[in-house]
């Protein structure tokens, strides 16, 4: 299992559009992917679960990936977050 921490840096945080992009990216991989915040772990492939985290700009989340393509999944999600979910700031 891979575990990484990453900071949400886009201005609007993990809002509906960003959560949908996050879930769509996670769903491309067979690995089990979880997102953790304040001791709560949710399924990264669920838009609603991601939105319920209410992760605003500056929030540090924990990513966990376990499975055959865990490395690729982790890299893709971190890249998405670091690219500010492709939003104009």
C-alpha atoms as a PDB file:
ATOM      1  CA  UNK A   1       0.000   0.000   0.000  1.00  0.00           C
ATOM      2  CA  UNK A   2       1.189   3.502  -0.868  1.00  0.00           C
ATOM      3  CA  UNK A   3       0.402   6.447   1.387  1.00  0.00           C
ATOM      4  CA  UNK A   4       1.048  10.104   0.579  1.00  0.00           C
ATOM      5  CA  UNK A   5      -0.037  13.423   2.010  1.00  0.00           C
ATOM      6  CA  UNK A   6      -0.922  16.273  -0.304  1.00  0.00           C
ATOM      7  CA  UNK A   7      -2.309  19.777   0.132  1.00  0.00           C
ATOM      8  CA  UNK A   8      -5.381  20.953  -1.739  1.00  0.00           C
ATOM      9  CA  UNK A   9      -4.083  24.123  -3.396  1.00  0.00           C
ATOM     10  CA  UNK A  10      -6.846  25.213  -5.766  1.00  0.00           C
ATOM     11  CA  UNK A  11      -8.840  28.257  -4.681  1.00  0.00           C
ATOM     12  CA  UNK A  12     -12.225  26.517  -4.391  1.00  0.00           C
ATOM     13  CA  UNK A  13     -10.995  23.342  -2.690  1.00  0.00           C
ATOM     14  CA  UNK A  14     -12.637  19.979  -3.294  1.00  0.00           C
ATOM     15  CA  UNK A  15     -15.925  21.373  -4.647  1.00  0.00           C
ATOM     16  CA  UNK A  16     -18.316  19.493  -6.969  1.00  0.00           C
ATOM     17  CA  UNK A  17     -16.336  19.827 -10.210  1.00  0.00           C
ATOM     18  CA  UNK A  18     -13.007  19.037  -8.550  1.00  0.00           C
ATOM     19  CA  UNK A  19     -14.510  16.080  -6.691  1.00  0.00           C
ATOM     20  CA  UNK A  20     -15.922  14.736  -9.956  1.00  0.00           C
ATOM     21  CA  UNK A  21     -12.523  15.029 -11.658  1.00  0.00           C
ATOM     22  CA  UNK A  22     -10.880  13.359  -8.653  1.00  0.00           C
ATOM     23  CA  UNK A  23     -13.369  10.460  -8.669  1.00  0.00           C
ATOM     24  CA  UNK A  24     -13.131  10.040 -12.448  1.00  0.00           C
ATOM     25  CA  UNK A  25      -9.344   9.923 -12.255  1.00  0.00           C
ATOM     26  CA  UNK A  26      -9.420   7.394  -9.396  1.00  0.00           C
ATOM     27  CA  UNK A  27     -11.974   5.262 -11.262  1.00  0.00           C
ATOM     28  CA  UNK A  28      -9.577   4.732 -14.150  1.00  0.00           C
ATOM     29  CA  UNK A  29      -7.522   2.440 -11.905  1.00  0.00           C
ATOM     30  CA  UNK A  30      -8.308  -0.966 -10.456  1.00  0.00           C
ATOM     31  CA  UNK A  31      -6.538  -0.199  -7.179  1.00  0.00           C
ATOM     32  CA  UNK A  32      -8.504   0.630  -4.070  1.00  0.00           C
ATOM     33  CA  UNK A  33      -7.980   4.346  -3.422  1.00  0.00           C
ATOM     34  CA  UNK A  34      -8.924   6.132  -0.215  1.00  0.00           C
ATOM     35  CA  UNK A  35      -8.745   9.744   0.895  1.00  0.00           C
ATOM     36  CA  UNK A  36      -8.307  10.599   4.556  1.00  0.00           C
ATOM     37  CA  UNK A  37      -9.015  13.765   6.497  1.00  0.00           C
ATOM     38  CA  UNK A  38      -9.315  14.208  10.260  1.00  0.00           C
ATOM     39  CA  UNK A  39      -9.292  10.453  10.877  1.00  0.00           C
ATOM     40  CA  UNK A  40     -12.023   9.786   8.300  1.00  0.00           C
ATOM     41  CA  UNK A  41     -11.232   7.633   5.242  1.00  0.00           C
ATOM     42  CA  UNK A  42     -13.504   7.739   2.190  1.00  0.00           C
ATOM     43  CA  UNK A  43     -13.601   6.044  -1.195  1.00  0.00           C
ATOM     44  CA  UNK A  44     -11.826   8.253  -3.745  1.00  0.00           C
ATOM     45  CA  UNK A  45     -14.074   6.890  -6.491  1.00  0.00           C
ATOM     46  CA  UNK A  46     -17.192   8.406  -4.886  1.00  0.00           C
ATOM     47  CA  UNK A  47     -17.945  12.053  -5.718  1.00  0.00           C
ATOM     48  CA  UNK A  48     -20.333  12.430  -2.771  1.00  0.00           C
ATOM     49  CA  UNK A  49     -17.845  10.970  -0.286  1.00  0.00           C
ATOM     50  CA  UNK A  50     -15.150  13.345  -1.522  1.00  0.00           C
ATOM     51  CA  UNK A  51     -17.449  16.352  -1.261  1.00  0.00           C
ATOM     52  CA  UNK A  52     -18.431  15.413   2.292  1.00  0.00           C
ATOM     53  CA  UNK A  53     -14.799  15.819   3.341  1.00  0.00           C
ATOM     54  CA  UNK A  54     -15.274  19.577   2.778  1.00  0.00           C
ATOM     55  CA  UNK A  55     -11.577  19.960   1.960  1.00  0.00           C
ATOM     56  CA  UNK A  56     -10.929  23.654   1.379  1.00  0.00           C
ATOM     57  CA  UNK A  57      -7.827  25.314  -0.034  1.00  0.00           C
ATOM     58  CA  UNK A  58      -4.893  24.559   2.262  1.00  0.00           C
ATOM     59  CA  UNK A  59      -6.358  21.311   3.616  1.00  0.00           C
ATOM     60  CA  UNK A  60      -3.852  18.466   3.916  1.00  0.00           C
ATOM     61  CA  UNK A  61      -5.330  15.117   2.908  1.00  0.00           C
ATOM     62  CA  UNK A  62      -3.910  11.612   3.022  1.00  0.00           C
ATOM     63  CA  UNK A  63      -4.065   9.430  -0.072  1.00  0.00           C
ATOM     64  CA  UNK A  64      -3.900   5.644   0.137  1.00  0.00           C
ATOM     65  CA  UNK A  65      -3.692   3.359  -2.874  1.00  0.00           C
ATOM     66  CA  UNK A  66      -3.463  -0.414  -2.839  1.00  0.00           C
ATOM     67  CA  UNK A  67      -3.499  -2.690  -5.835  1.00  0.00           C
ATOM     68  CA  UNK A  68      -1.836  -3.668  -9.064  1.00  0.00           C
ATOM     69  CA  UNK A  69      -1.670  -0.126 -10.482  1.00  0.00           C
ATOM     70  CA  UNK A  70      -1.272   1.761  -7.201  1.00  0.00           C
ATOM     71  CA  UNK A  71       1.813   3.728  -8.287  1.00  0.00           C
ATOM     72  CA  UNK A  72       0.195   5.004 -11.473  1.00  0.00           C
ATOM     73  CA  UNK A  73      -3.025   5.861  -9.631  1.00  0.00           C
ATOM     74  CA  UNK A  74      -1.194   7.787  -6.932  1.00  0.00           C
ATOM     75  CA  UNK A  75       0.846   9.745  -9.479  1.00  0.00           C
ATOM     76  CA  UNK A  76      -2.241  10.662 -11.529  1.00  0.00           C
ATOM     77  CA  UNK A  77      -4.191  11.904  -8.507  1.00  0.00           C
ATOM     78  CA  UNK A  78      -1.280  13.914  -7.119  1.00  0.00           C
ATOM     79  CA  UNK A  79      -0.727  15.470 -10.550  1.00  0.00           C
ATOM     80  CA  UNK A  80      -4.426  16.403 -10.743  1.00  0.00           C
ATOM     81  CA  UNK A  81      -4.277  18.088  -7.331  1.00  0.00           C
ATOM     82  CA  UNK A  82      -0.988  19.862  -8.075  1.00  0.00           C
ATOM     83  CA  UNK A  83      -2.459  21.103 -11.368  1.00  0.00           C
ATOM     84  CA  UNK A  84      -5.274  22.713  -9.358  1.00  0.00           C
ATOM     85  CA  UNK A  85      -7.835  20.447 -11.042  1.00  0.00           C
ATOM     86  CA  UNK A  86      -7.125  22.362 -14.274  1.00  0.00           C
ATOM     87  CA  UNK A  87      -8.972  25.419 -12.924  1.00  0.00           C
ATOM     88  CA  UNK A  88      -8.159  28.982 -13.821  1.00  0.00           C
ATOM     89  CA  UNK A  89      -7.142  30.697 -10.623  1.00  0.00           C
END
